[in-house]
Amino acid sequence: MNKQELENRLIDFASSIIRLTITFEKNYAGNHLLGQIIRSSTSPALNYGEAQSAESKKDFIHKMGICLKELRKLLFVLK
């Protein structure tokens, strides 16, 4: 997978999750989880973009680690 394919997949994933959240119940708990889900699903695409302009290999690895952290957080919330 090349850089553009990964970027496209992350963007498609974020938009799919946003469409999914439209079906959630609108109440205090639902709104709280919706916010977390939307932040965690959009963050990897944004952080991947940041990683592309990393100042060093170490910085790139750090920013990609943030992407992974957000995806793990999302997995936990969706379980």
C-alpha atoms as a PDB file:
ATOM      1  CA  MET A   1       0.000   0.000   0.000  1.00  0.00           C
ATOM      2  CA  ASN A   2       1.404   3.385  -0.929  1.00  0.00           C
ATOM      3  CA  LYS A   3       1.025   6.720   0.888  1.00  0.00           C
ATOM      4  CA  GLN A   4      -1.948   7.868  -1.166  1.00  0.00           C
ATOM      5  CA  GLU A   5      -3.837   4.594  -0.701  1.00  0.00           C
ATOM      6  CA  LEU A   6      -3.394   4.722   3.073  1.00  0.00           C
ATOM      7  CA  GLU A   7      -4.478   8.356   3.176  1.00  0.00           C
ATOM      8  CA  ASN A   8      -7.566   7.555   1.095  1.00  0.00           C
ATOM      9  CA  ARG A   9      -8.442   4.595   3.312  1.00  0.00           C
ATOM     10  CA  LEU A  10      -8.151   6.698   6.461  1.00  0.00           C
ATOM     11  CA  ILE A  11     -10.366   9.405   4.965  1.00  0.00           C
ATOM     12  CA  ASP A  12     -12.931   6.833   3.774  1.00  0.00           C
ATOM     13  CA  PHE A  13     -12.889   5.217   7.212  1.00  0.00           C
ATOM     14  CA  ALA A  14     -13.521   8.533   8.950  1.00  0.00           C
ATOM     15  CA  SER A  15     -16.400   9.411   6.649  1.00  0.00           C
ATOM     16  CA  SER A  16     -17.936   5.937   7.122  1.00  0.00           C
ATOM     17  CA  ILE A  17     -17.809   6.300  10.901  1.00  0.00           C
ATOM     18  CA  ILE A  18     -19.354   9.774  10.709  1.00  0.00           C
ATOM     19  CA  ARG A  19     -22.214   8.348   8.622  1.00  0.00           C
ATOM     20  CA  LEU A  20     -22.625   5.565  11.208  1.00  0.00           C
ATOM     21  CA  THR A  21     -22.918   8.056  14.066  1.00  0.00           C
ATOM     22  CA  ILE A  22     -26.022   9.604  12.492  1.00  0.00           C
ATOM     23  CA  THR A  23     -27.911   6.495  13.655  1.00  0.00           C
ATOM     24  CA  PHE A  24     -26.933   6.911  17.323  1.00  0.00           C
ATOM     25  CA  GLU A  25     -29.512   7.903  19.895  1.00  0.00           C
ATOM     26  CA  LYS A  26     -29.345  11.549  20.854  1.00  0.00           C
ATOM     27  CA  ASN A  27     -29.132  11.746  24.653  1.00  0.00           C
ATOM     28  CA  TYR A  28     -26.444  12.673  27.167  1.00  0.00           C
ATOM     29  CA  ALA A  29     -24.554   9.373  26.992  1.00  0.00           C
ATOM     30  CA  GLY A  30     -25.020   9.046  23.235  1.00  0.00           C
ATOM     31  CA  ASN A  31     -23.765  12.575  22.609  1.00  0.00           C
ATOM     32  CA  HIS A  32     -20.723  11.963  24.794  1.00  0.00           C
ATOM     33  CA  LEU A  33     -19.824   8.774  22.935  1.00  0.00           C
ATOM     34  CA  LEU A  34     -20.567  10.375  19.568  1.00  0.00           C
ATOM     35  CA  GLY A  35     -18.043  13.107  20.252  1.00  0.00           C
ATOM     36  CA  GLN A  36     -15.381  10.595  21.245  1.00  0.00           C
ATOM     37  CA  ILE A  37     -16.085   8.353  18.264  1.00  0.00           C
ATOM     38  CA  ILE A  38     -15.959  11.218  15.785  1.00  0.00           C
ATOM     39  CA  ARG A  39     -12.726  12.611  17.252  1.00  0.00           C
ATOM     40  CA  SER A  40     -11.034   9.206  17.320  1.00  0.00           C
ATOM     41  CA  SER A  41     -12.128   8.279  13.805  1.00  0.00           C
ATOM     42  CA  THR A  42     -11.049  11.534  12.165  1.00  0.00           C
ATOM     43  CA  SER A  43      -7.808  11.976  14.100  1.00  0.00           C
ATOM     44  CA  PRO A  44      -5.811   9.222  12.332  1.00  0.00           C
ATOM     45  CA  ALA A  45      -6.308  10.793   8.890  1.00  0.00           C
ATOM     46  CA  LEU A  46      -5.321  14.206  10.198  1.00  0.00           C
ATOM     47  CA  ASN A  47      -2.296  12.872  12.071  1.00  0.00           C
ATOM     48  CA  TYR A  48      -1.232  10.858   9.035  1.00  0.00           C
ATOM     49  CA  GLY A  49      -1.170  14.101   7.092  1.00  0.00           C
ATOM     50  CA  GLU A  50       1.013  15.608   9.809  1.00  0.00           C
ATOM     51  CA  ALA A  51       3.324  12.588   9.692  1.00  0.00           C
ATOM     52  CA  GLN A  52       3.919  13.178   5.991  1.00  0.00           C
ATOM     53  CA  SER A  53       5.675  16.420   6.870  1.00  0.00           C
ATOM     54  CA  ALA A  54       7.612  15.023   9.821  1.00  0.00           C
ATOM     55  CA  GLU A  55      10.922  16.657  10.548  1.00  0.00           C
ATOM     56  CA  SER A  56      12.722  13.373  11.162  1.00  0.00           C
ATOM     57  CA  LYS A  57      12.221   9.616  11.110  1.00  0.00           C
ATOM     58  CA  LYS A  58      11.695   9.713  14.885  1.00  0.00           C
ATOM     59  CA  ASP A  59       9.024  12.416  14.491  1.00  0.00           C
ATOM     60  CA  PHE A  60       7.307  10.359  11.767  1.00  0.00           C
ATOM     61  CA  ILE A  61       7.224   7.282  14.010  1.00  0.00           C
ATOM     62  CA  HIS A  62       5.834   9.356  16.874  1.00  0.00           C
ATOM     63  CA  LYS A  63       3.039  10.798  14.736  1.00  0.00           C
ATOM     64  CA  MET A  64       2.149   7.386  13.308  1.00  0.00           C
ATOM     65  CA  GLY A  65       2.023   6.125  16.896  1.00  0.00           C
ATOM     66  CA  ILE A  66      -0.600   8.771  17.620  1.00  0.00           C
ATOM     67  CA  CYS A  67      -2.643   7.452  14.665  1.00  0.00           C
ATOM     68  CA  LEU A  68      -2.478   3.946  16.092  1.00  0.00           C
ATOM     69  CA  LYS A  69      -3.385   5.178  19.576  1.00  0.00           C
ATOM     70  CA  GLU A  70      -6.512   6.902  18.260  1.00  0.00           C
ATOM     71  CA  LEU A  71      -7.557   3.814  16.292  1.00  0.00           C
ATOM     72  CA  ARG A  72      -7.140   1.639  19.409  1.00  0.00           C
ATOM     73  CA  LYS A  73      -9.192   4.110  21.425  1.00  0.00           C
ATOM     74  CA  LEU A  74     -11.941   3.973  18.810  1.00  0.00           C
ATOM     75  CA  LEU A  75     -11.921   0.173  18.847  1.00  0.00           C
ATOM     76  CA  PHE A  76     -12.357   0.233  22.629  1.00  0.00           C
ATOM     77  CA  VAL A  77     -15.275   2.678  22.451  1.00  0.00           C
ATOM     78  CA  LEU A  78     -17.019   0.696  19.727  1.00  0.00           C
ATOM     79  CA  LYS A  79     -16.796  -2.617  21.613  1.00  0.00           C
END
